[in-house]
């Protein structure tokens, strides 16, 4: 309920099966 997120431009370190249309951190 209480969280902060920002646009994540560098996603090279991410290792997930799915490839979302956008990433936030």
PDBML (XML) file of the C-alpha atoms, coordinates in Angstrom:
<?xml version="1.0" encoding="UTF-8" ?>
<PDBx:datablock datablockName="MODEL"
   xmlns:PDBx="http://pdbml.pdb.org/schema/pdbx-v50.xsd"
   xmlns:xsi="http://www.w3.org/2001/XMLSchema-instance"
   xsi:schemaLocation="http://pdbml.pdb.org/schema/pdbx-v50.xsd pdbx-v50.xsd">
   <PDBx:atom_siteCategory>
      <PDBx:atom_site id="1">
         <PDBx:B_iso_or_equiv>0.00</PDBx:B_iso_or_equiv>
         <PDBx:Cartn_x>0.000</PDBx:Cartn_x>
         <PDBx:Cartn_y>0.000</PDBx:Cartn_y>
         <PDBx:Cartn_z>0.000</PDBx:Cartn_z>
         <PDBx:auth_asym_id>A</PDBx:auth_asym_id>
         <PDBx:auth_atom_id>CA</PDBx:auth_atom_id>
         <PDBx:auth_comp_id>UNK</PDBx:auth_comp_id>
         <PDBx:auth_seq_id>1</PDBx:auth_seq_id>
         <PDBx:group_PDB>ATOM</PDBx:group_PDB>
         <PDBx:label_alt_id xsi:nil="true" />
         <PDBx:label_asym_id>A</PDBx:label_asym_id>
         <PDBx:label_atom_id>CA</PDBx:label_atom_id>
         <PDBx:label_comp_id>UNK</PDBx:label_comp_id>
         <PDBx:label_entity_id>1</PDBx:label_entity_id>
         <PDBx:label_seq_id>1</PDBx:label_seq_id>
         <PDBx:occupancy>1.00</PDBx:occupancy>
         <PDBx:pdbx_PDB_model_num>1</PDBx:pdbx_PDB_model_num>
         <PDBx:type_symbol>C</PDBx:type_symbol>
      </PDBx:atom_site>
      <PDBx:atom_site id="2">
         <PDBx:B_iso_or_equiv>0.00</PDBx:B_iso_or_equiv>
         <PDBx:Cartn_x>2.865</PDBx:Cartn_x>
         <PDBx:Cartn_y>2.400</PDBx:Cartn_y>
         <PDBx:Cartn_z>0.699</PDBx:Cartn_z>
         <PDBx:auth_asym_id>A</PDBx:auth_asym_id>
         <PDBx:auth_atom_id>CA</PDBx:auth_atom_id>
         <PDBx:auth_comp_id>UNK</PDBx:auth_comp_id>
         <PDBx:auth_seq_id>2</PDBx:auth_seq_id>
         <PDBx:group_PDB>ATOM</PDBx:group_PDB>
         <PDBx:label_alt_id xsi:nil="true" />
         <PDBx:label_asym_id>A</PDBx:label_asym_id>
         <PDBx:label_atom_id>CA</PDBx:label_atom_id>
         <PDBx:label_comp_id>UNK</PDBx:label_comp_id>
         <PDBx:label_entity_id>1</PDBx:label_entity_id>
         <PDBx:label_seq_id>2</PDBx:label_seq_id>
         <PDBx:occupancy>1.00</PDBx:occupancy>
         <PDBx:pdbx_PDB_model_num>1</PDBx:pdbx_PDB_model_num>
         <PDBx:type_symbol>C</PDBx:type_symbol>
      </PDBx:atom_site>
      <PDBx:atom_site id="3">
         <PDBx:B_iso_or_equiv>0.00</PDBx:B_iso_or_equiv>
         <PDBx:Cartn_x>5.632</PDBx:Cartn_x>
         <PDBx:Cartn_y>2.159</PDBx:Cartn_y>
         <PDBx:Cartn_z>-1.858</PDBx:Cartn_z>
         <PDBx:auth_asym_id>A</PDBx:auth_asym_id>
         <PDBx:auth_atom_id>CA</PDBx:auth_atom_id>
         <PDBx:auth_comp_id>UNK</PDBx:auth_comp_id>
         <PDBx:auth_seq_id>3</PDBx:auth_seq_id>
         <PDBx:group_PDB>ATOM</PDBx:group_PDB>
         <PDBx:label_alt_id xsi:nil="true" />
         <PDBx:label_asym_id>A</PDBx:label_asym_id>
         <PDBx:label_atom_id>CA</PDBx:label_atom_id>
         <PDBx:label_comp_id>UNK</PDBx:label_comp_id>
         <PDBx:label_entity_id>1</PDBx:label_entity_id>
         <PDBx:label_seq_id>3</PDBx:label_seq_id>
         <PDBx:occupancy>1.00</PDBx:occupancy>
         <PDBx:pdbx_PDB_model_num>1</PDBx:pdbx_PDB_model_num>
         <PDBx:type_symbol>C</PDBx:type_symbol>
      </PDBx:atom_site>
      <PDBx:atom_site id="4">
         <PDBx:B_iso_or_equiv>0.00</PDBx:B_iso_or_equiv>
         <PDBx:Cartn_x>7.810</PDBx:Cartn_x>
         <PDBx:Cartn_y>4.204</PDBx:Cartn_y>
         <PDBx:Cartn_z>-4.191</PDBx:Cartn_z>
         <PDBx:auth_asym_id>A</PDBx:auth_asym_id>
         <PDBx:auth_atom_id>CA</PDBx:auth_atom_id>
         <PDBx:auth_comp_id>UNK</PDBx:auth_comp_id>
         <PDBx:auth_seq_id>4</PDBx:auth_seq_id>
         <PDBx:group_PDB>ATOM</PDBx:group_PDB>
         <PDBx:label_alt_id xsi:nil="true" />
         <PDBx:label_asym_id>A</PDBx:label_asym_id>
         <PDBx:label_atom_id>CA</PDBx:label_atom_id>
         <PDBx:label_comp_id>UNK</PDBx:label_comp_id>
         <PDBx:label_entity_id>1</PDBx:label_entity_id>
         <PDBx:label_seq_id>4</PDBx:label_seq_id>
         <PDBx:occupancy>1.00</PDBx:occupancy>
         <PDBx:pdbx_PDB_model_num>1</PDBx:pdbx_PDB_model_num>
         <PDBx:type_symbol>C</PDBx:type_symbol>
      </PDBx:atom_site>
      <PDBx:atom_site id="5">
         <PDBx:B_iso_or_equiv>0.00</PDBx:B_iso_or_equiv>
         <PDBx:Cartn_x>8.867</PDBx:Cartn_x>
         <PDBx:Cartn_y>3.216</PDBx:Cartn_y>
         <PDBx:Cartn_z>-7.699</PDBx:Cartn_z>
         <PDBx:auth_asym_id>A</PDBx:auth_asym_id>
         <PDBx:auth_atom_id>CA</PDBx:auth_atom_id>
         <PDBx:auth_comp_id>UNK</PDBx:auth_comp_id>
         <PDBx:auth_seq_id>5</PDBx:auth_seq_id>
         <PDBx:group_PDB>ATOM</PDBx:group_PDB>
         <PDBx:label_alt_id xsi:nil="true" />
         <PDBx:label_asym_id>A</PDBx:label_asym_id>
         <PDBx:label_atom_id>CA</PDBx:label_atom_id>
         <PDBx:label_comp_id>UNK</PDBx:label_comp_id>
         <PDBx:label_entity_id>1</PDBx:label_entity_id>
         <PDBx:label_seq_id>5</PDBx:label_seq_id>
         <PDBx:occupancy>1.00</PDBx:occupancy>
         <PDBx:pdbx_PDB_model_num>1</PDBx:pdbx_PDB_model_num>
         <PDBx:type_symbol>C</PDBx:type_symbol>
      </PDBx:atom_site>
      <PDBx:atom_site id="6">
         <PDBx:B_iso_or_equiv>0.00</PDBx:B_iso_or_equiv>
         <PDBx:Cartn_x>10.762</PDBx:Cartn_x>
         <PDBx:Cartn_y>4.819</PDBx:Cartn_y>
         <PDBx:Cartn_z>-10.561</PDBx:Cartn_z>
         <PDBx:auth_asym_id>A</PDBx:auth_asym_id>
         <PDBx:auth_atom_id>CA</PDBx:auth_atom_id>
         <PDBx:auth_comp_id>UNK</PDBx:auth_comp_id>
         <PDBx:auth_seq_id>6</PDBx:auth_seq_id>
         <PDBx:group_PDB>ATOM</PDBx:group_PDB>
         <PDBx:label_alt_id xsi:nil="true" />
         <PDBx:label_asym_id>A</PDBx:label_asym_id>
         <PDBx:label_atom_id>CA</PDBx:label_atom_id>
         <PDBx:label_comp_id>UNK</PDBx:label_comp_id>
         <PDBx:label_entity_id>1</PDBx:label_entity_id>
         <PDBx:label_seq_id>6</PDBx:label_seq_id>
         <PDBx:occupancy>1.00</PDBx:occupancy>
         <PDBx:pdbx_PDB_model_num>1</PDBx:pdbx_PDB_model_num>
         <PDBx:type_symbol>C</PDBx:type_symbol>
      </PDBx:atom_site>
      <PDBx:atom_site id="7">
         <PDBx:B_iso_or_equiv>0.00</PDBx:B_iso_or_equiv>
         <PDBx:Cartn_x>11.191</PDBx:Cartn_x>
         <PDBx:Cartn_y>3.998</PDBx:Cartn_y>
         <PDBx:Cartn_z>-14.234</PDBx:Cartn_z>
         <PDBx:auth_asym_id>A</PDBx:auth_asym_id>
         <PDBx:auth_atom_id>CA</PDBx:auth_atom_id>
         <PDBx:auth_comp_id>UNK</PDBx:auth_comp_id>
         <PDBx:auth_seq_id>7</PDBx:auth_seq_id>
         <PDBx:group_PDB>ATOM</PDBx:group_PDB>
         <PDBx:label_alt_id xsi:nil="true" />
         <PDBx:label_asym_id>A</PDBx:label_asym_id>
         <PDBx:label_atom_id>CA</PDBx:label_atom_id>
         <PDBx:label_comp_id>UNK</PDBx:label_comp_id>
         <PDBx:label_entity_id>1</PDBx:label_entity_id>
         <PDBx:label_seq_id>7</PDBx:label_seq_id>
         <PDBx:occupancy>1.00</PDBx:occupancy>
         <PDBx:pdbx_PDB_model_num>1</PDBx:pdbx_PDB_model_num>
         <PDBx:type_symbol>C</PDBx:type_symbol>
      </PDBx:atom_site>
      <PDBx:atom_site id="8">
         <PDBx:B_iso_or_equiv>0.00</PDBx:B_iso_or_equiv>
         <PDBx:Cartn_x>13.922</PDBx:Cartn_x>
         <PDBx:Cartn_y>1.391</PDBx:Cartn_y>
         <PDBx:Cartn_z>-14.712</PDBx:Cartn_z>
         <PDBx:auth_asym_id>A</PDBx:auth_asym_id>
         <PDBx:auth_atom_id>CA</PDBx:auth_atom_id>
         <PDBx:auth_comp_id>UNK</PDBx:auth_comp_id>
         <PDBx:auth_seq_id>8</PDBx:auth_seq_id>
         <PDBx:group_PDB>ATOM</PDBx:group_PDB>
         <PDBx:label_alt_id xsi:nil="true" />
         <PDBx:label_asym_id>A</PDBx:label_asym_id>
         <PDBx:label_atom_id>CA</PDBx:label_atom_id>
         <PDBx:label_comp_id>UNK</PDBx:label_comp_id>
         <PDBx:label_entity_id>1</PDBx:label_entity_id>
         <PDBx:label_seq_id>8</PDBx:label_seq_id>
         <PDBx:occupancy>1.00</PDBx:occupancy>
         <PDBx:pdbx_PDB_model_num>1</PDBx:pdbx_PDB_model_num>
         <PDBx:type_symbol>C</PDBx:type_symbol>
      </PDBx:atom_site>
      <PDBx:atom_site id="9">
         <PDBx:B_iso_or_equiv>0.00</PDBx:B_iso_or_equiv>
         <PDBx:Cartn_x>15.916</PDBx:Cartn_x>
         <PDBx:Cartn_y>2.042</PDBx:Cartn_y>
         <PDBx:Cartn_z>-17.872</PDBx:Cartn_z>
         <PDBx:auth_asym_id>A</PDBx:auth_asym_id>
         <PDBx:auth_atom_id>CA</PDBx:auth_atom_id>
         <PDBx:auth_comp_id>UNK</PDBx:auth_comp_id>
         <PDBx:auth_seq_id>9</PDBx:auth_seq_id>
         <PDBx:group_PDB>ATOM</PDBx:group_PDB>
         <PDBx:label_alt_id xsi:nil="true" />
         <PDBx:label_asym_id>A</PDBx:label_asym_id>
         <PDBx:label_atom_id>CA</PDBx:label_atom_id>
         <PDBx:label_comp_id>UNK</PDBx:label_comp_id>
         <PDBx:label_entity_id>1</PDBx:label_entity_id>
         <PDBx:label_seq_id>9</PDBx:label_seq_id>
         <PDBx:occupancy>1.00</PDBx:occupancy>
         <PDBx:pdbx_PDB_model_num>1</PDBx:pdbx_PDB_model_num>
         <PDBx:type_symbol>C</PDBx:type_symbol>
      </PDBx:atom_site>
      <PDBx:atom_site id="10">
         <PDBx:B_iso_or_equiv>0.00</PDBx:B_iso_or_equiv>
         <PDBx:Cartn_x>18.790</PDBx:Cartn_x>
         <PDBx:Cartn_y>-0.409</PDBx:Cartn_y>
         <PDBx:Cartn_z>-17.364</PDBx:Cartn_z>
         <PDBx:auth_asym_id>A</PDBx:auth_asym_id>
         <PDBx:auth_atom_id>CA</PDBx:auth_atom_id>
         <PDBx:auth_comp_id>UNK</PDBx:auth_comp_id>
         <PDBx:auth_seq_id>10</PDBx:auth_seq_id>
         <PDBx:group_PDB>ATOM</PDBx:group_PDB>
         <PDBx:label_alt_id xsi:nil="true" />
         <PDBx:label_asym_id>A</PDBx:label_asym_id>
         <PDBx:label_atom_id>CA</PDBx:label_atom_id>
         <PDBx:label_comp_id>UNK</PDBx:label_comp_id>
         <PDBx:label_entity_id>1</PDBx:label_entity_id>
         <PDBx:label_seq_id>10</PDBx:label_seq_id>
         <PDBx:occupancy>1.00</PDBx:occupancy>
         <PDBx:pdbx_PDB_model_num>1</PDBx:pdbx_PDB_model_num>
         <PDBx:type_symbol>C</PDBx:type_symbol>
      </PDBx:atom_site>
      <PDBx:atom_site id="11">
         <PDBx:B_iso_or_equiv>0.00</PDBx:B_iso_or_equiv>
         <PDBx:Cartn_x>17.276</PDBx:Cartn_x>
         <PDBx:Cartn_y>-3.891</PDBx:Cartn_y>
         <PDBx:Cartn_z>-17.087</PDBx:Cartn_z>
         <PDBx:auth_asym_id>A</PDBx:auth_asym_id>
         <PDBx:auth_atom_id>CA</PDBx:auth_atom_id>
         <PDBx:auth_comp_id>UNK</PDBx:auth_comp_id>
         <PDBx:auth_seq_id>11</PDBx:auth_seq_id>
         <PDBx:group_PDB>ATOM</PDBx:group_PDB>
         <PDBx:label_alt_id xsi:nil="true" />
         <PDBx:label_asym_id>A</PDBx:label_asym_id>
         <PDBx:label_atom_id>CA</PDBx:label_atom_id>
         <PDBx:label_comp_id>UNK</PDBx:label_comp_id>
         <PDBx:label_entity_id>1</PDBx:label_entity_id>
         <PDBx:label_seq_id>11</PDBx:label_seq_id>
         <PDBx:occupancy>1.00</PDBx:occupancy>
         <PDBx:pdbx_PDB_model_num>1</PDBx:pdbx_PDB_model_num>
         <PDBx:type_symbol>C</PDBx:type_symbol>
      </PDBx:atom_site>
      <PDBx:atom_site id="12">
         <PDBx:B_iso_or_equiv>0.00</PDBx:B_iso_or_equiv>
         <PDBx:Cartn_x>20.387</PDBx:Cartn_x>
         <PDBx:Cartn_y>-5.880</PDBx:Cartn_y>
         <PDBx:Cartn_z>-18.064</PDBx:Cartn_z>
         <PDBx:auth_asym_id>A</PDBx:auth_asym_id>
         <PDBx:auth_atom_id>CA</PDBx:auth_atom_id>
         <PDBx:auth_comp_id>UNK</PDBx:auth_comp_id>
         <PDBx:auth_seq_id>12</PDBx:auth_seq_id>
         <PDBx:group_PDB>ATOM</PDBx:group_PDB>
         <PDBx:label_alt_id xsi:nil="true" />
         <PDBx:label_asym_id>A</PDBx:label_asym_id>
         <PDBx:label_atom_id>CA</PDBx:label_atom_id>
         <PDBx:label_comp_id>UNK</PDBx:label_comp_id>
         <PDBx:label_entity_id>1</PDBx:label_entity_id>
         <PDBx:label_seq_id>12</PDBx:label_seq_id>
         <PDBx:occupancy>1.00</PDBx:occupancy>
         <PDBx:pdbx_PDB_model_num>1</PDBx:pdbx_PDB_model_num>
         <PDBx:type_symbol>C</PDBx:type_symbol>
      </PDBx:atom_site>
      <PDBx:atom_site id="13">
         <PDBx:B_iso_or_equiv>0.00</PDBx:B_iso_or_equiv>
         <PDBx:Cartn_x>20.709</PDBx:Cartn_x>
         <PDBx:Cartn_y>-7.381</PDBx:Cartn_y>
         <PDBx:Cartn_z>-14.571</PDBx:Cartn_z>
         <PDBx:auth_asym_id>A</PDBx:auth_asym_id>
         <PDBx:auth_atom_id>CA</PDBx:auth_atom_id>
         <PDBx:auth_comp_id>UNK</PDBx:auth_comp_id>
         <PDBx:auth_seq_id>13</PDBx:auth_seq_id>
         <PDBx:group_PDB>ATOM</PDBx:group_PDB>
         <PDBx:label_alt_id xsi:nil="true" />
         <PDBx:label_asym_id>A</PDBx:label_asym_id>
         <PDBx:label_atom_id>CA</PDBx:label_atom_id>
         <PDBx:label_comp_id>UNK</PDBx:label_comp_id>
         <PDBx:label_entity_id>1</PDBx:label_entity_id>
         <PDBx:label_seq_id>13</PDBx:label_seq_id>
         <PDBx:occupancy>1.00</PDBx:occupancy>
         <PDBx:pdbx_PDB_model_num>1</PDBx:pdbx_PDB_model_num>
         <PDBx:type_symbol>C</PDBx:type_symbol>
      </PDBx:atom_site>
      <PDBx:atom_site id="14">
         <PDBx:B_iso_or_equiv>0.00</PDBx:B_iso_or_equiv>
         <PDBx:Cartn_x>17.160</PDBx:Cartn_x>
         <PDBx:Cartn_y>-8.794</PDBx:Cartn_y>
         <PDBx:Cartn_z>-14.566</PDBx:Cartn_z>
         <PDBx:auth_asym_id>A</PDBx:auth_asym_id>
         <PDBx:auth_atom_id>CA</PDBx:auth_atom_id>
         <PDBx:auth_comp_id>UNK</PDBx:auth_comp_id>
         <PDBx:auth_seq_id>14</PDBx:auth_seq_id>
         <PDBx:group_PDB>ATOM</PDBx:group_PDB>
         <PDBx:label_alt_id xsi:nil="true" />
         <PDBx:label_asym_id>A</PDBx:label_asym_id>
         <PDBx:label_atom_id>CA</PDBx:label_atom_id>
         <PDBx:label_comp_id>UNK</PDBx:label_comp_id>
         <PDBx:label_entity_id>1</PDBx:label_entity_id>
         <PDBx:label_seq_id>14</PDBx:label_seq_id>
         <PDBx:occupancy>1.00</PDBx:occupancy>
         <PDBx:pdbx_PDB_model_num>1</PDBx:pdbx_PDB_model_num>
         <PDBx:type_symbol>C</PDBx:type_symbol>
      </PDBx:atom_site>
      <PDBx:atom_site id="15">
         <PDBx:B_iso_or_equiv>0.00</PDBx:B_iso_or_equiv>
         <PDBx:Cartn_x>16.725</PDBx:Cartn_x>
         <PDBx:Cartn_y>-12.547</PDBx:Cartn_y>
         <PDBx:Cartn_z>-15.082</PDBx:Cartn_z>
         <PDBx:auth_asym_id>A</PDBx:auth_asym_id>
         <PDBx:auth_atom_id>CA</PDBx:auth_atom_id>
         <PDBx:auth_comp_id>UNK</PDBx:auth_comp_id>
         <PDBx:auth_seq_id>15</PDBx:auth_seq_id>
         <PDBx:group_PDB>ATOM</PDBx:group_PDB>
         <PDBx:label_alt_id xsi:nil="true" />
         <PDBx:label_asym_id>A</PDBx:label_asym_id>
         <PDBx:label_atom_id>CA</PDBx:label_atom_id>
         <PDBx:label_comp_id>UNK</PDBx:label_comp_id>
         <PDBx:label_entity_id>1</PDBx:label_entity_id>
         <PDBx:label_seq_id>15</PDBx:label_seq_id>
         <PDBx:occupancy>1.00</PDBx:occupancy>
         <PDBx:pdbx_PDB_model_num>1</PDBx:pdbx_PDB_model_num>
         <PDBx:type_symbol>C</PDBx:type_symbol>
      </PDBx:atom_site>
      <PDBx:atom_site id="16">
         <PDBx:B_iso_or_equiv>0.00</PDBx:B_iso_or_equiv>
         <PDBx:Cartn_x>13.042</PDBx:Cartn_x>
         <PDBx:Cartn_y>-13.405</PDBx:Cartn_y>
         <PDBx:Cartn_z>-15.440</PDBx:Cartn_z>
         <PDBx:auth_asym_id>A</PDBx:auth_asym_id>
         <PDBx:auth_atom_id>CA</PDBx:auth_atom_id>
         <PDBx:auth_comp_id>UNK</PDBx:auth_comp_id>
         <PDBx:auth_seq_id>16</PDBx:auth_seq_id>
         <PDBx:group_PDB>ATOM</PDBx:group_PDB>
         <PDBx:label_alt_id xsi:nil="true" />
         <PDBx:label_asym_id>A</PDBx:label_asym_id>
         <PDBx:label_atom_id>CA</PDBx:label_atom_id>
         <PDBx:label_comp_id>UNK</PDBx:label_comp_id>
         <PDBx:label_entity_id>1</PDBx:label_entity_id>
         <PDBx:label_seq_id>16</PDBx:label_seq_id>
         <PDBx:occupancy>1.00</PDBx:occupancy>
         <PDBx:pdbx_PDB_model_num>1</PDBx:pdbx_PDB_model_num>
         <PDBx:type_symbol>C</PDBx:type_symbol>
      </PDBx:atom_site>
      <PDBx:atom_site id="17">
         <PDBx:B_iso_or_equiv>0.00</PDBx:B_iso_or_equiv>
         <PDBx:Cartn_x>11.211</PDBx:Cartn_x>
         <PDBx:Cartn_y>-15.704</PDBx:Cartn_y>
         <PDBx:Cartn_z>-17.842</PDBx:Cartn_z>
         <PDBx:auth_asym_id>A</PDBx:auth_asym_id>
         <PDBx:auth_atom_id>CA</PDBx:auth_atom_id>
         <PDBx:auth_comp_id>UNK</PDBx:auth_comp_id>
         <PDBx:auth_seq_id>17</PDBx:auth_seq_id>
         <PDBx:group_PDB>ATOM</PDBx:group_PDB>
         <PDBx:label_alt_id xsi:nil="true" />
         <PDBx:label_asym_id>A</PDBx:label_asym_id>
         <PDBx:label_atom_id>CA</PDBx:label_atom_id>
         <PDBx:label_comp_id>UNK</PDBx:label_comp_id>
         <PDBx:label_entity_id>1</PDBx:label_entity_id>
         <PDBx:label_seq_id>17</PDBx:label_seq_id>
         <PDBx:occupancy>1.00</PDBx:occupancy>
         <PDBx:pdbx_PDB_model_num>1</PDBx:pdbx_PDB_model_num>
         <PDBx:type_symbol>C</PDBx:type_symbol>
      </PDBx:atom_site>
      <PDBx:atom_site id="18">
         <PDBx:B_iso_or_equiv>0.00</PDBx:B_iso_or_equiv>
         <PDBx:Cartn_x>8.671</PDBx:Cartn_x>
         <PDBx:Cartn_y>-13.038</PDBx:Cartn_y>
         <PDBx:Cartn_z>-18.763</PDBx:Cartn_z>
         <PDBx:auth_asym_id>A</PDBx:auth_asym_id>
         <PDBx:auth_atom_id>CA</PDBx:auth_atom_id>
         <PDBx:auth_comp_id>UNK</PDBx:auth_comp_id>
         <PDBx:auth_seq_id>18</PDBx:auth_seq_id>
         <PDBx:group_PDB>ATOM</PDBx:group_PDB>
         <PDBx:label_alt_id xsi:nil="true" />
         <PDBx:label_asym_id>A</PDBx:label_asym_id>
         <PDBx:label_atom_id>CA</PDBx:label_atom_id>
         <PDBx:label_comp_id>UNK</PDBx:label_comp_id>
         <PDBx:label_entity_id>1</PDBx:label_entity_id>
         <PDBx:label_seq_id>18</PDBx:label_seq_id>
         <PDBx:occupancy>1.00</PDBx:occupancy>
         <PDBx:pdbx_PDB_model_num>1</PDBx:pdbx_PDB_model_num>
         <PDBx:type_symbol>C</PDBx:type_symbol>
      </PDBx:atom_site>
      <PDBx:atom_site id="19">
         <PDBx:B_iso_or_equiv>0.00</PDBx:B_iso_or_equiv>
         <PDBx:Cartn_x>9.507</PDBx:Cartn_x>
         <PDBx:Cartn_y>-9.860</PDBx:Cartn_y>
         <PDBx:Cartn_z>-20.671</PDBx:Cartn_z>
         <PDBx:auth_asym_id>A</PDBx:auth_asym_id>
         <PDBx:auth_atom_id>CA</PDBx:auth_atom_id>
         <PDBx:auth_comp_id>UNK</PDBx:auth_comp_id>
         <PDBx:auth_seq_id>19</PDBx:auth_seq_id>
         <PDBx:group_PDB>ATOM</PDBx:group_PDB>
         <PDBx:label_alt_id xsi:nil="true" />
         <PDBx:label_asym_id>A</PDBx:label_asym_id>
         <PDBx:label_atom_id>CA</PDBx:label_atom_id>
         <PDBx:label_comp_id>UNK</PDBx:label_comp_id>
         <PDBx:label_entity_id>1</PDBx:label_entity_id>
         <PDBx:label_seq_id>19</PDBx:label_seq_id>
         <PDBx:occupancy>1.00</PDBx:occupancy>
         <PDBx:pdbx_PDB_model_num>1</PDBx:pdbx_PDB_model_num>
         <PDBx:type_symbol>C</PDBx:type_symbol>
      </PDBx:atom_site>
      <PDBx:atom_site id="20">
         <PDBx:B_iso_or_equiv>0.00</PDBx:B_iso_or_equiv>
         <PDBx:Cartn_x>7.107</PDBx:Cartn_x>
         <PDBx:Cartn_y>-7.090</PDBx:Cartn_y>
         <PDBx:Cartn_z>-19.564</PDBx:Cartn_z>
         <PDBx:auth_asym_id>A</PDBx:auth_asym_id>
         <PDBx:auth_atom_id>CA</PDBx:auth_atom_id>
         <PDBx:auth_comp_id>UNK</PDBx:auth_comp_id>
         <PDBx:auth_seq_id>20</PDBx:auth_seq_id>
         <PDBx:group_PDB>ATOM</PDBx:group_PDB>
         <PDBx:label_alt_id xsi:nil="true" />
         <PDBx:label_asym_id>A</PDBx:label_asym_id>
         <PDBx:label_atom_id>CA</PDBx:label_atom_id>
         <PDBx:label_comp_id>UNK</PDBx:label_comp_id>
         <PDBx:label_entity_id>1</PDBx:label_entity_id>
         <PDBx:label_seq_id>20</PDBx:label_seq_id>
         <PDBx:occupancy>1.00</PDBx:occupancy>
         <PDBx:pdbx_PDB_model_num>1</PDBx:pdbx_PDB_model_num>
         <PDBx:type_symbol>C</PDBx:type_symbol>
      </PDBx:atom_site>
      <PDBx:atom_site id="21">
         <PDBx:B_iso_or_equiv>0.00</PDBx:B_iso_or_equiv>
         <PDBx:Cartn_x>6.351</PDBx:Cartn_x>
         <PDBx:Cartn_y>-4.128</PDBx:Cartn_y>
         <PDBx:Cartn_z>-21.771</PDBx:Cartn_z>
         <PDBx:auth_asym_id>A</PDBx:auth_asym_id>
         <PDBx:auth_atom_id>CA</PDBx:auth_atom_id>
         <PDBx:auth_comp_id>UNK</PDBx:auth_comp_id>
         <PDBx:auth_seq_id>21</PDBx:auth_seq_id>
         <PDBx:group_PDB>ATOM</PDBx:group_PDB>
         <PDBx:label_alt_id xsi:nil="true" />
         <PDBx:label_asym_id>A</PDBx:label_asym_id>
         <PDBx:label_atom_id>CA</PDBx:label_atom_id>
         <PDBx:label_comp_id>UNK</PDBx:label_comp_id>
         <PDBx:label_entity_id>1</PDBx:label_entity_id>
         <PDBx:label_seq_id>21</PDBx:label_seq_id>
         <PDBx:occupancy>1.00</PDBx:occupancy>
         <PDBx:pdbx_PDB_model_num>1</PDBx:pdbx_PDB_model_num>
         <PDBx:type_symbol>C</PDBx:type_symbol>
      </PDBx:atom_site>
      <PDBx:atom_site id="22">
         <PDBx:B_iso_or_equiv>0.00</PDBx:B_iso_or_equiv>
         <PDBx:Cartn_x>7.821</PDBx:Cartn_x>
         <PDBx:Cartn_y>-1.874</PDBx:Cartn_y>
         <PDBx:Cartn_z>-19.081</PDBx:Cartn_z>
         <PDBx:auth_asym_id>A</PDBx:auth_asym_id>
         <PDBx:auth_atom_id>CA</PDBx:auth_atom_id>
         <PDBx:auth_comp_id>UNK</PDBx:auth_comp_id>
         <PDBx:auth_seq_id>22</PDBx:auth_seq_id>
         <PDBx:group_PDB>ATOM</PDBx:group_PDB>
         <PDBx:label_alt_id xsi:nil="true" />
         <PDBx:label_asym_id>A</PDBx:label_asym_id>
         <PDBx:label_atom_id>CA</PDBx:label_atom_id>
         <PDBx:label_comp_id>UNK</PDBx:label_comp_id>
         <PDBx:label_entity_id>1</PDBx:label_entity_id>
         <PDBx:label_seq_id>22</PDBx:label_seq_id>
         <PDBx:occupancy>1.00</PDBx:occupancy>
         <PDBx:pdbx_PDB_model_num>1</PDBx:pdbx_PDB_model_num>
         <PDBx:type_symbol>C</PDBx:type_symbol>
      </PDBx:atom_site>
      <PDBx:atom_site id="23">
         <PDBx:B_iso_or_equiv>0.00</PDBx:B_iso_or_equiv>
         <PDBx:Cartn_x>9.898</PDBx:Cartn_x>
         <PDBx:Cartn_y>-2.046</PDBx:Cartn_y>
         <PDBx:Cartn_z>-15.904</PDBx:Cartn_z>
         <PDBx:auth_asym_id>A</PDBx:auth_asym_id>
         <PDBx:auth_atom_id>CA</PDBx:auth_atom_id>
         <PDBx:auth_comp_id>UNK</PDBx:auth_comp_id>
         <PDBx:auth_seq_id>23</PDBx:auth_seq_id>
         <PDBx:group_PDB>ATOM</PDBx:group_PDB>
         <PDBx:label_alt_id xsi:nil="true" />
         <PDBx:label_asym_id>A</PDBx:label_asym_id>
         <PDBx:label_atom_id>CA</PDBx:label_atom_id>
         <PDBx:label_comp_id>UNK</PDBx:label_comp_id>
         <PDBx:label_entity_id>1</PDBx:label_entity_id>
         <PDBx:label_seq_id>23</PDBx:label_seq_id>
         <PDBx:occupancy>1.00</PDBx:occupancy>
         <PDBx:pdbx_PDB_model_num>1</PDBx:pdbx_PDB_model_num>
         <PDBx:type_symbol>C</PDBx:type_symbol>
      </PDBx:atom_site>
      <PDBx:atom_site id="24">
         <PDBx:B_iso_or_equiv>0.00</PDBx:B_iso_or_equiv>
         <PDBx:Cartn_x>9.830</PDBx:Cartn_x>
         <PDBx:Cartn_y>0.025</PDBx:Cartn_y>
         <PDBx:Cartn_z>-12.724</PDBx:Cartn_z>
         <PDBx:auth_asym_id>A</PDBx:auth_asym_id>
         <PDBx:auth_atom_id>CA</PDBx:auth_atom_id>
         <PDBx:auth_comp_id>UNK</PDBx:auth_comp_id>
         <PDBx:auth_seq_id>24</PDBx:auth_seq_id>
         <PDBx:group_PDB>ATOM</PDBx:group_PDB>
         <PDBx:label_alt_id xsi:nil="true" />
         <PDBx:label_asym_id>A</PDBx:label_asym_id>
         <PDBx:label_atom_id>CA</PDBx:label_atom_id>
         <PDBx:label_comp_id>UNK</PDBx:label_comp_id>
         <PDBx:label_entity_id>1</PDBx:label_entity_id>
         <PDBx:label_seq_id>24</PDBx:label_seq_id>
         <PDBx:occupancy>1.00</PDBx:occupancy>
         <PDBx:pdbx_PDB_model_num>1</PDBx:pdbx_PDB_model_num>
         <PDBx:type_symbol>C</PDBx:type_symbol>
      </PDBx:atom_site>
      <PDBx:atom_site id="25">
         <PDBx:B_iso_or_equiv>0.00</PDBx:B_iso_or_equiv>
         <PDBx:Cartn_x>12.174</PDBx:Cartn_x>
         <PDBx:Cartn_y>-0.285</PDBx:Cartn_y>
         <PDBx:Cartn_z>-9.756</PDBx:Cartn_z>
         <PDBx:auth_asym_id>A</PDBx:auth_asym_id>
         <PDBx:auth_atom_id>CA</PDBx:auth_atom_id>
         <PDBx:auth_comp_id>UNK</PDBx:auth_comp_id>
         <PDBx:auth_seq_id>25</PDBx:auth_seq_id>
         <PDBx:group_PDB>ATOM</PDBx:group_PDB>
         <PDBx:label_alt_id xsi:nil="true" />
         <PDBx:label_asym_id>A</PDBx:label_asym_id>
         <PDBx:label_atom_id>CA</PDBx:label_atom_id>
         <PDBx:label_comp_id>UNK</PDBx:label_comp_id>
         <PDBx:label_entity_id>1</PDBx:label_entity_id>
         <PDBx:label_seq_id>25</PDBx:label_seq_id>
         <PDBx:occupancy>1.00</PDBx:occupancy>
         <PDBx:pdbx_PDB_model_num>1</PDBx:pdbx_PDB_model_num>
         <PDBx:type_symbol>C</PDBx:type_symbol>
      </PDBx:atom_site>
   </PDBx:atom_siteCategory>
</PDBx:datablock>
